[in-house]
């Protein structure tokens, strides 16, 4: 009995060791290995203009870090947010020109940058839209966000006005609006209104919490994510991003979204 038990115990330990070694040597699916060629359509790398990069040196550091995993194309999207970041095309263009000049000065090659904005749907948004003072992504898309606390009262009207102005509205990081998590049907309603969804890469790694991670995966499972972006503000975000690993089945669902983002905005 004692000998049989010892043999069984040794066999069990051996199997556990083999399984551990197998799992240890399995290739990890780092998300950054799948972002090569991505056009990052949501980031805050323009210097000194919002809660993103503070200096042009910070901007260059972020871009160089992006280049390490093959992201060289950026549409910079600083906030336009009334009473917080009252940016205009001119303030954004000034910051953009500063970054352009520094890229040339430091001979940072193979980088393409453009600028747009992340527009907060607030009490000032519709006036900006009516005055043709919005900054679309490339030509036809408009990146918008809303308060994380509640949906603005003028949200539906603003979306209708965006469409009437000839733009396709893209809602930034829909997974981060916690007040929508218990009302998943609202996401479906948004889709029927013609709203496109841009998810944050960081959400898939749980940077904003497990609940946001759950919702972004549910949106992905339901084929409700159109585009992906980094929403990077600072180096901390990129360091976290480089450590994110995903199951192969999630990456397989995410790959068409990455390809669509490249195709639509390259």
C-alpha atoms as a PDB file:
ATOM      1  CA  UNK A   1       0.000   0.000   0.000  1.00  0.00           C
ATOM      2  CA  UNK A   2       2.796   2.362   0.968  1.00  0.00           C
ATOM      3  CA  UNK A   3       4.765   1.564  -2.203  1.00  0.00           C
ATOM      4  CA  UNK A   4       1.717   2.037  -4.452  1.00  0.00           C
ATOM      5  CA  UNK A   5       0.968   5.378  -2.779  1.00  0.00           C
ATOM      6  CA  UNK A   6       4.547   6.537  -3.251  1.00  0.00           C
ATOM      7  CA  UNK A   7       4.545   5.581  -6.932  1.00  0.00           C
ATOM      8  CA  UNK A   8       1.191   7.344  -7.461  1.00  0.00           C
ATOM      9  CA  UNK A   9       2.442  10.456  -5.669  1.00  0.00           C
ATOM     10  CA  UNK A  10       5.645  10.560  -7.735  1.00  0.00           C
ATOM     11  CA  UNK A  11       3.663  10.085 -10.965  1.00  0.00           C
ATOM     12  CA  UNK A  12       1.277  12.879 -10.061  1.00  0.00           C
ATOM     13  CA  UNK A  13       4.128  15.252  -9.250  1.00  0.00           C
ATOM     14  CA  UNK A  14       5.797  14.340 -12.538  1.00  0.00           C
ATOM     15  CA  UNK A  15       2.631  15.089 -14.532  1.00  0.00           C
ATOM     16  CA  UNK A  16       2.187  18.437 -12.748  1.00  0.00           C
ATOM     17  CA  UNK A  17       5.806  19.341 -13.523  1.00  0.00           C
ATOM     18  CA  UNK A  18       5.349  18.473 -17.202  1.00  0.00           C
ATOM     19  CA  UNK A  19       2.157  20.532 -17.418  1.00  0.00           C
ATOM     20  CA  UNK A  20       3.859  23.469 -15.724  1.00  0.00           C
ATOM     21  CA  UNK A  21       6.820  23.283 -18.096  1.00  0.00           C
ATOM     22  CA  UNK A  22       4.457  23.095 -21.086  1.00  0.00           C
ATOM     23  CA  UNK A  23       2.502  26.152 -19.979  1.00  0.00           C
ATOM     24  CA  UNK A  24       5.711  28.030 -19.126  1.00  0.00           C
ATOM     25  CA  UNK A  25       7.194  27.526 -22.570  1.00  0.00           C
ATOM     26  CA  UNK A  26       3.983  28.247 -24.466  1.00  0.00           C
ATOM     27  CA  UNK A  27       4.283  31.359 -26.625  1.00  0.00           C
ATOM     28  CA  UNK A  28       2.615  34.322 -24.987  1.00  0.00           C
ATOM     29  CA  UNK A  29       0.294  36.315 -27.235  1.00  0.00           C
ATOM     30  CA  UNK A  30       1.397  39.885 -26.633  1.00  0.00           C
ATOM     31  CA  UNK A  31      -1.100  42.295 -28.115  1.00  0.00           C
ATOM     32  CA  UNK A  32       1.634  44.657 -29.310  1.00  0.00           C
ATOM     33  CA  UNK A  33       2.954  41.910 -31.600  1.00  0.00           C
ATOM     34  CA  UNK A  34      -0.302  42.259 -33.507  1.00  0.00           C
ATOM     35  CA  UNK A  35      -0.354  46.059 -33.830  1.00  0.00           C
ATOM     36  CA  UNK A  36       2.341  46.428 -36.497  1.00  0.00           C
ATOM     37  CA  UNK A  37       1.152  48.945 -39.095  1.00  0.00           C
ATOM     38  CA  UNK A  38      -1.719  50.222 -36.967  1.00  0.00           C
ATOM     39  CA  UNK A  39      -2.888  53.777 -37.545  1.00  0.00           C
ATOM     40  CA  UNK A  40      -3.425  55.051 -34.016  1.00  0.00           C
ATOM     41  CA  UNK A  41      -6.548  57.189 -34.379  1.00  0.00           C
ATOM     42  CA  UNK A  42      -6.913  58.083 -30.692  1.00  0.00           C
ATOM     43  CA  UNK A  43      -4.017  59.366 -28.633  1.00  0.00           C
ATOM     44  CA  UNK A  44      -2.876  62.371 -26.650  1.00  0.00           C
ATOM     45  CA  UNK A  45       0.708  62.704 -27.810  1.00  0.00           C
ATOM     46  CA  UNK A  46       0.578  66.358 -28.882  1.00  0.00           C
ATOM     47  CA  UNK A  47       2.580  68.387 -26.372  1.00  0.00           C
ATOM     48  CA  UNK A  48       1.229  70.793 -23.773  1.00  0.00           C
ATOM     49  CA  UNK A  49      -2.335  70.915 -24.986  1.00  0.00           C
ATOM     50  CA  UNK A  50      -4.431  68.680 -22.721  1.00  0.00           C
ATOM     51  CA  UNK A  51      -3.907  65.930 -20.131  1.00  0.00           C
ATOM     52  CA  UNK A  52      -1.514  64.050 -22.403  1.00  0.00           C
ATOM     53  CA  UNK A  53       2.127  64.724 -23.211  1.00  0.00           C
ATOM     54  CA  UNK A  54       3.364  67.767 -21.317  1.00  0.00           C
ATOM     55  CA  UNK A  55       6.394  68.622 -23.434  1.00  0.00           C
ATOM     56  CA  UNK A  56       7.564  67.939 -26.968  1.00  0.00           C
ATOM     57  CA  UNK A  57      10.295  65.751 -25.442  1.00  0.00           C
ATOM     58  CA  UNK A  58       7.527  63.615 -23.871  1.00  0.00           C
ATOM     59  CA  UNK A  59       5.858  63.366 -27.283  1.00  0.00           C
ATOM     60  CA  UNK A  60       9.043  62.131 -28.944  1.00  0.00           C
ATOM     61  CA  UNK A  61       9.591  59.563 -26.194  1.00  0.00           C
ATOM     62  CA  UNK A  62       6.085  58.193 -26.718  1.00  0.00           C
ATOM     63  CA  UNK A  63       6.496  58.004 -30.484  1.00  0.00           C
ATOM     64  CA  UNK A  64       9.839  56.202 -30.195  1.00  0.00           C
ATOM     65  CA  UNK A  65       8.226  53.702 -27.832  1.00  0.00           C
ATOM     66  CA  UNK A  66       5.371  53.121 -30.275  1.00  0.00           C
ATOM     67  CA  UNK A  67       7.905  52.507 -33.035  1.00  0.00           C
ATOM     68  CA  UNK A  68       9.354  49.574 -31.101  1.00  0.00           C
ATOM     69  CA  UNK A  69       6.277  47.531 -31.966  1.00  0.00           C
ATOM     70  CA  UNK A  70       5.671  48.885 -35.450  1.00  0.00           C
ATOM     71  CA  UNK A  71       3.218  51.740 -34.900  1.00  0.00           C
ATOM     72  CA  UNK A  72       4.390  54.694 -36.979  1.00  0.00           C
ATOM     73  CA  UNK A  73       1.154  56.348 -38.111  1.00  0.00           C
ATOM     74  CA  UNK A  74      -0.748  58.673 -35.811  1.00  0.00           C
ATOM     75  CA  UNK A  75      -3.780  60.871 -35.945  1.00  0.00           C
ATOM     76  CA  UNK A  76      -3.330  63.028 -32.852  1.00  0.00           C
ATOM     77  CA  UNK A  77      -6.605  63.685 -31.024  1.00  0.00           C
ATOM     78  CA  UNK A  78      -6.328  66.190 -28.159  1.00  0.00           C
ATOM     79  CA  UNK A  79      -9.456  66.974 -26.186  1.00  0.00           C
ATOM     80  CA  UNK A  80     -11.841  69.723 -27.164  1.00  0.00           C
ATOM     81  CA  UNK A  81     -13.739  70.114 -23.909  1.00  0.00           C
ATOM     82  CA  UNK A  82     -15.526  73.304 -22.861  1.00  0.00           C
ATOM     83  CA  UNK A  83     -14.100  74.990 -19.751  1.00  0.00           C
ATOM     84  CA  UNK A  84     -11.347  72.364 -19.464  1.00  0.00           C
ATOM     85  CA  UNK A  85      -9.508  72.123 -22.756  1.00  0.00           C
ATOM     86  CA  UNK A  86     -10.915  74.850 -24.974  1.00  0.00           C
ATOM     87  CA  UNK A  87      -8.793  73.860 -27.918  1.00  0.00           C
ATOM     88  CA  UNK A  88      -9.387  75.135 -31.430  1.00  0.00           C
ATOM     89  CA  UNK A  89      -7.928  74.215 -34.783  1.00  0.00           C
ATOM     90  CA  UNK A  90      -5.297  76.911 -34.251  1.00  0.00           C
ATOM     91  CA  UNK A  91      -4.140  75.756 -30.812  1.00  0.00           C
ATOM     92  CA  UNK A  92      -3.990  72.179 -32.036  1.00  0.00           C
ATOM     93  CA  UNK A  93      -2.183  73.143 -35.228  1.00  0.00           C
ATOM     94  CA  UNK A  94       0.409  75.084 -33.216  1.00  0.00           C
ATOM     95  CA  UNK A  95       1.160  72.066 -31.033  1.00  0.00           C
ATOM     96  CA  UNK A  96       1.195  69.802 -34.085  1.00  0.00           C
ATOM     97  CA  UNK A  97       3.703  72.057 -35.873  1.00  0.00           C
ATOM     98  CA  UNK A  98       5.940  72.033 -32.805  1.00  0.00           C
ATOM     99  CA  UNK A  99       5.975  68.230 -32.802  1.00  0.00           C
ATOM    100  CA  UNK A 100       6.545  68.073 -36.553  1.00  0.00           C
ATOM    101  CA  UNK A 101       9.568  70.334 -36.264  1.00  0.00           C
ATOM    102  CA  UNK A 102      11.023  68.302 -33.402  1.00  0.00           C
ATOM    103  CA  UNK A 103      10.618  65.048 -35.331  1.00  0.00           C
ATOM    104  CA  UNK A 104      12.651  66.566 -38.167  1.00  0.00           C
ATOM    105  CA  UNK A 105      15.224  67.999 -35.776  1.00  0.00           C
ATOM    106  CA  UNK A 106      15.758  64.668 -34.032  1.00  0.00           C
ATOM    107  CA  UNK A 107      15.659  62.779 -37.341  1.00  0.00           C
ATOM    108  CA  UNK A 108      12.841  60.478 -36.251  1.00  0.00           C
ATOM    109  CA  UNK A 109      12.192  58.699 -39.534  1.00  0.00           C
ATOM    110  CA  UNK A 110       9.273  56.683 -40.876  1.00  0.00           C
ATOM    111  CA  UNK A 111       6.674  58.515 -38.808  1.00  0.00           C
ATOM    112  CA  UNK A 112       3.475  59.953 -40.207  1.00  0.00           C
ATOM    113  CA  UNK A 113       1.410  62.300 -38.045  1.00  0.00           C
ATOM    114  CA  UNK A 114      -1.850  64.102 -38.656  1.00  0.00           C
ATOM    115  CA  UNK A 115      -4.214  65.855 -36.289  1.00  0.00           C
ATOM    116  CA  UNK A 116      -7.875  65.737 -35.388  1.00  0.00           C
ATOM    117  CA  UNK A 117      -9.569  65.977 -31.985  1.00  0.00           C
ATOM    118  CA  UNK A 118     -11.577  64.074 -29.422  1.00  0.00           C
ATOM    119  CA  UNK A 119     -14.739  66.164 -29.112  1.00  0.00           C
ATOM    120  CA  UNK A 120     -16.646  66.143 -25.851  1.00  0.00           C
ATOM    121  CA  UNK A 121     -20.394  66.246 -26.417  1.00  0.00           C
ATOM    122  CA  UNK A 122     -21.132  69.030 -23.953  1.00  0.00           C
ATOM    123  CA  UNK A 123     -23.022  72.325 -23.853  1.00  0.00           C
ATOM    124  CA  UNK A 124     -20.642  73.851 -26.395  1.00  0.00           C
ATOM    125  CA  UNK A 125     -20.301  71.019 -28.885  1.00  0.00           C
ATOM    126  CA  UNK A 126     -23.280  71.796 -31.112  1.00  0.00           C
ATOM    127  CA  UNK A 127     -22.153  75.399 -31.534  1.00  0.00           C
ATOM    128  CA  UNK A 128     -18.704  74.210 -32.603  1.00  0.00           C
ATOM    129  CA  UNK A 129     -20.312  71.801 -35.052  1.00  0.00           C
ATOM    130  CA  UNK A 130     -22.666  74.457 -36.441  1.00  0.00           C
ATOM    131  CA  UNK A 131     -19.695  76.789 -36.979  1.00  0.00           C
ATOM    132  CA  UNK A 132     -17.820  74.067 -38.873  1.00  0.00           C
ATOM    133  CA  UNK A 133     -15.084  74.228 -36.236  1.00  0.00           C
ATOM    134  CA  UNK A 134     -14.856  70.489 -35.600  1.00  0.00           C
ATOM    135  CA  UNK A 135     -11.792  68.500 -36.643  1.00  0.00           C
ATOM    136  CA  UNK A 136     -12.665  65.230 -38.375  1.00  0.00           C
ATOM    137  CA  UNK A 137     -10.521  62.122 -38.518  1.00  0.00           C
ATOM    138  CA  UNK A 138      -9.167  62.336 -42.048  1.00  0.00           C
ATOM    139  CA  UNK A 139     -12.317  63.551 -43.846  1.00  0.00           C
ATOM    140  CA  UNK A 140     -15.514  61.820 -42.897  1.00  0.00           C
ATOM    141  CA  UNK A 141     -15.331  60.583 -39.300  1.00  0.00           C
ATOM    142  CA  UNK A 142     -15.735  62.548 -36.092  1.00  0.00           C
ATOM    143  CA  UNK A 143     -14.342  61.225 -32.816  1.00  0.00           C
ATOM    144  CA  UNK A 144     -16.612  62.078 -29.881  1.00  0.00           C
ATOM    145  CA  UNK A 145     -16.842  61.249 -26.210  1.00  0.00           C
ATOM    146  CA  UNK A 146     -19.218  61.982 -23.357  1.00  0.00           C
ATOM    147  CA  UNK A 147     -19.072  62.306 -19.602  1.00  0.00           C
ATOM    148  CA  UNK A 148     -18.161  59.140 -17.716  1.00  0.00           C
ATOM    149  CA  UNK A 149     -20.870  59.990 -15.169  1.00  0.00           C
ATOM    150  CA  UNK A 150     -23.968  60.197 -17.344  1.00  0.00           C
ATOM    151  CA  UNK A 151     -25.158  60.578 -20.907  1.00  0.00           C
ATOM    152  CA  UNK A 152     -25.566  64.251 -21.880  1.00  0.00           C
ATOM    153  CA  UNK A 153     -29.133  65.461 -22.439  1.00  0.00           C
ATOM    154  CA  UNK A 154     -28.269  66.637 -25.953  1.00  0.00           C
ATOM    155  CA  UNK A 155     -26.549  63.388 -26.971  1.00  0.00           C
ATOM    156  CA  UNK A 156     -29.168  62.126 -29.458  1.00  0.00           C
ATOM    157  CA  UNK A 157     -29.574  65.556 -31.043  1.00  0.00           C
ATOM    158  CA  UNK A 158     -25.816  65.982 -31.319  1.00  0.00           C
ATOM    159  CA  UNK A 159     -25.442  62.609 -33.034  1.00  0.00           C
ATOM    160  CA  UNK A 160     -28.193  63.527 -35.486  1.00  0.00           C
ATOM    161  CA  UNK A 161     -26.505  66.855 -36.204  1.00  0.00           C
ATOM    162  CA  UNK A 162     -23.167  65.138 -36.784  1.00  0.00           C
ATOM    163  CA  UNK A 163     -24.772  62.922 -39.415  1.00  0.00           C
ATOM    164  CA  UNK A 164     -26.555  65.907 -40.958  1.00  0.00           C
ATOM    165  CA  UNK A 165     -23.202  67.676 -41.259  1.00  0.00           C
ATOM    166  CA  UNK A 166     -21.908  64.751 -43.320  1.00  0.00           C
ATOM    167  CA  UNK A 167     -19.787  62.971 -40.717  1.00  0.00           C
ATOM    168  CA  UNK A 168     -19.815  59.452 -39.313  1.00  0.00           C
ATOM    169  CA  UNK A 169     -19.740  59.679 -35.494  1.00  0.00           C
ATOM    170  CA  UNK A 170     -17.215  57.464 -33.713  1.00  0.00           C
ATOM    171  CA  UNK A 171     -17.776  57.064 -29.982  1.00  0.00           C
ATOM    172  CA  UNK A 172     -14.453  56.833 -28.182  1.00  0.00           C
ATOM    173  CA  UNK A 173     -13.988  54.005 -25.671  1.00  0.00           C
ATOM    174  CA  UNK A 174     -17.667  52.958 -25.293  1.00  0.00           C
ATOM    175  CA  UNK A 175     -16.570  50.280 -22.824  1.00  0.00           C
ATOM    176  CA  UNK A 176     -15.512  52.923 -20.279  1.00  0.00           C
ATOM    177  CA  UNK A 177     -18.958  54.463 -19.678  1.00  0.00           C
ATOM    178  CA  UNK A 178     -19.852  52.566 -16.532  1.00  0.00           C
ATOM    179  CA  UNK A 179     -23.443  53.833 -16.471  1.00  0.00           C
ATOM    180  CA  UNK A 180     -24.066  51.832 -19.664  1.00  0.00           C
ATOM    181  CA  UNK A 181     -22.738  48.512 -18.367  1.00  0.00           C
ATOM    182  CA  UNK A 182     -26.024  47.394 -16.847  1.00  0.00           C
ATOM    183  CA  UNK A 183     -27.925  48.598 -19.930  1.00  0.00           C
ATOM    184  CA  UNK A 184     -26.235  46.772 -22.772  1.00  0.00           C
ATOM    185  CA  UNK A 185     -29.232  47.453 -24.975  1.00  0.00           C
ATOM    186  CA  UNK A 186     -28.146  51.100 -25.071  1.00  0.00           C
ATOM    187  CA  UNK A 187     -25.081  50.057 -27.051  1.00  0.00           C
ATOM    188  CA  UNK A 188     -27.348  48.345 -29.566  1.00  0.00           C
ATOM    189  CA  UNK A 189     -29.455  51.499 -29.793  1.00  0.00           C
ATOM    190  CA  UNK A 190     -26.344  53.570 -30.466  1.00  0.00           C
ATOM    191  CA  UNK A 191     -25.417  51.225 -33.294  1.00  0.00           C
ATOM    192  CA  UNK A 192     -28.842  51.658 -34.851  1.00  0.00           C
ATOM    193  CA  UNK A 193     -28.291  55.421 -34.704  1.00  0.00           C
ATOM    194  CA  UNK A 194     -25.245  54.938 -36.920  1.00  0.00           C
ATOM    195  CA  UNK A 195     -22.675  55.404 -34.155  1.00  0.00           C
ATOM    196  CA  UNK A 196     -19.384  53.589 -34.697  1.00  0.00           C
ATOM    197  CA  UNK A 197     -17.356  52.320 -31.736  1.00  0.00           C
ATOM    198  CA  UNK A 198     -13.622  52.774 -31.082  1.00  0.00           C
ATOM    199  CA  UNK A 199     -12.291  50.616 -28.274  1.00  0.00           C
ATOM    200  CA  UNK A 200      -9.097  51.264 -26.316  1.00  0.00           C
ATOM    201  CA  UNK A 201      -6.363  48.632 -26.552  1.00  0.00           C
ATOM    202  CA  UNK A 202      -5.686  49.097 -22.828  1.00  0.00           C
ATOM    203  CA  UNK A 203      -9.224  47.973 -21.994  1.00  0.00           C
ATOM    204  CA  UNK A 204      -8.455  44.428 -23.163  1.00  0.00           C
ATOM    205  CA  UNK A 205      -5.679  44.195 -20.604  1.00  0.00           C
ATOM    206  CA  UNK A 206      -7.805  45.353 -17.688  1.00  0.00           C
ATOM    207  CA  UNK A 207      -6.064  48.715 -17.263  1.00  0.00           C
ATOM    208  CA  UNK A 208      -9.360  50.427 -16.413  1.00  0.00           C
ATOM    209  CA  UNK A 209     -10.654  47.561 -14.281  1.00  0.00           C
ATOM    210  CA  UNK A 210     -12.176  44.121 -14.681  1.00  0.00           C
ATOM    211  CA  UNK A 211     -15.658  45.436 -15.469  1.00  0.00           C
ATOM    212  CA  UNK A 212     -14.423  47.520 -18.389  1.00  0.00           C
ATOM    213  CA  UNK A 213     -12.467  44.494 -19.598  1.00  0.00           C
ATOM    214  CA  UNK A 214     -15.614  42.354 -19.416  1.00  0.00           C
ATOM    215  CA  UNK A 215     -17.661  44.860 -21.413  1.00  0.00           C
ATOM    216  CA  UNK A 216     -15.044  45.444 -24.117  1.00  0.00           C
ATOM    217  CA  UNK A 217     -14.841  41.688 -24.672  1.00  0.00           C
ATOM    218  CA  UNK A 218     -18.631  41.464 -24.827  1.00  0.00           C
ATOM    219  CA  UNK A 219     -18.685  44.239 -27.424  1.00  0.00           C
ATOM    220  CA  UNK A 220     -16.018  42.377 -29.385  1.00  0.00           C
ATOM    221  CA  UNK A 221     -17.930  39.092 -29.140  1.00  0.00           C
ATOM    222  CA  UNK A 222     -21.007  40.857 -30.518  1.00  0.00           C
ATOM    223  CA  UNK A 223     -19.001  42.368 -33.409  1.00  0.00           C
ATOM    224  CA  UNK A 224     -19.787  45.879 -32.188  1.00  0.00           C
ATOM    225  CA  UNK A 225     -16.261  47.313 -32.267  1.00  0.00           C
ATOM    226  CA  UNK A 226     -15.345  49.065 -35.509  1.00  0.00           C
ATOM    227  CA  UNK A 227     -11.955  50.579 -34.732  1.00  0.00           C
ATOM    228  CA  UNK A 228      -9.224  50.420 -32.131  1.00  0.00           C
ATOM    229  CA  UNK A 229      -6.916  53.085 -30.698  1.00  0.00           C
ATOM    230  CA  UNK A 230      -4.411  53.452 -27.913  1.00  0.00           C
ATOM    231  CA  UNK A 231      -5.744  56.519 -26.038  1.00  0.00           C
ATOM    232  CA  UNK A 232      -2.187  56.834 -24.751  1.00  0.00           C
ATOM    233  CA  UNK A 233      -1.529  59.893 -22.591  1.00  0.00           C
ATOM    234  CA  UNK A 234       1.810  59.071 -20.985  1.00  0.00           C
ATOM    235  CA  UNK A 235       4.588  56.497 -20.815  1.00  0.00           C
ATOM    236  CA  UNK A 236       2.820  54.552 -18.060  1.00  0.00           C
ATOM    237  CA  UNK A 237       0.150  53.598 -20.586  1.00  0.00           C
ATOM    238  CA  UNK A 238       2.653  52.289 -23.101  1.00  0.00           C
ATOM    239  CA  UNK A 239       4.542  50.279 -20.502  1.00  0.00           C
ATOM    240  CA  UNK A 240       1.271  48.637 -19.444  1.00  0.00           C
ATOM    241  CA  UNK A 241       0.284  48.078 -23.064  1.00  0.00           C
ATOM    242  CA  UNK A 242       3.501  46.201 -23.817  1.00  0.00           C
ATOM    243  CA  UNK A 243       2.733  43.653 -21.092  1.00  0.00           C
ATOM    244  CA  UNK A 244      -0.815  42.783 -22.206  1.00  0.00           C
ATOM    245  CA  UNK A 245      -1.296  39.210 -23.366  1.00  0.00           C
ATOM    246  CA  UNK A 246      -4.522  37.862 -24.842  1.00  0.00           C
ATOM    247  CA  UNK A 247      -5.918  34.407 -25.607  1.00  0.00           C
ATOM    248  CA  UNK A 248      -5.587  33.395 -29.246  1.00  0.00           C
ATOM    249  CA  UNK A 249      -9.362  33.366 -29.697  1.00  0.00           C
ATOM    250  CA  UNK A 250      -9.609  36.996 -28.570  1.00  0.00           C
ATOM    251  CA  UNK A 251      -6.786  38.040 -30.891  1.00  0.00           C
ATOM    252  CA  UNK A 252      -8.520  36.270 -33.753  1.00  0.00           C
ATOM    253  CA  UNK A 253     -11.631  38.395 -33.173  1.00  0.00           C
ATOM    254  CA  UNK A 254      -9.557  41.551 -32.754  1.00  0.00           C
ATOM    255  CA  UNK A 255      -7.499  41.114 -35.910  1.00  0.00           C
ATOM    256  CA  UNK A 256     -10.278  42.236 -38.314  1.00  0.00           C
ATOM    257  CA  UNK A 257     -10.795  45.366 -36.179  1.00  0.00           C
ATOM    258  CA  UNK A 258      -7.095  46.212 -36.409  1.00  0.00           C
ATOM    259  CA  UNK A 259      -7.162  45.645 -40.182  1.00  0.00           C
ATOM    260  CA  UNK A 260     -10.272  47.806 -40.590  1.00  0.00           C
ATOM    261  CA  UNK A 261      -8.656  50.627 -38.617  1.00  0.00           C
ATOM    262  CA  UNK A 262      -5.609  50.514 -40.888  1.00  0.00           C
ATOM    263  CA  UNK A 263      -7.674  50.319 -44.050  1.00  0.00           C
ATOM    264  CA  UNK A 264      -9.997  53.177 -43.084  1.00  0.00           C
ATOM    265  CA  UNK A 265      -7.358  55.655 -41.896  1.00  0.00           C
ATOM    266  CA  UNK A 266      -4.024  54.879 -43.548  1.00  0.00           C
END
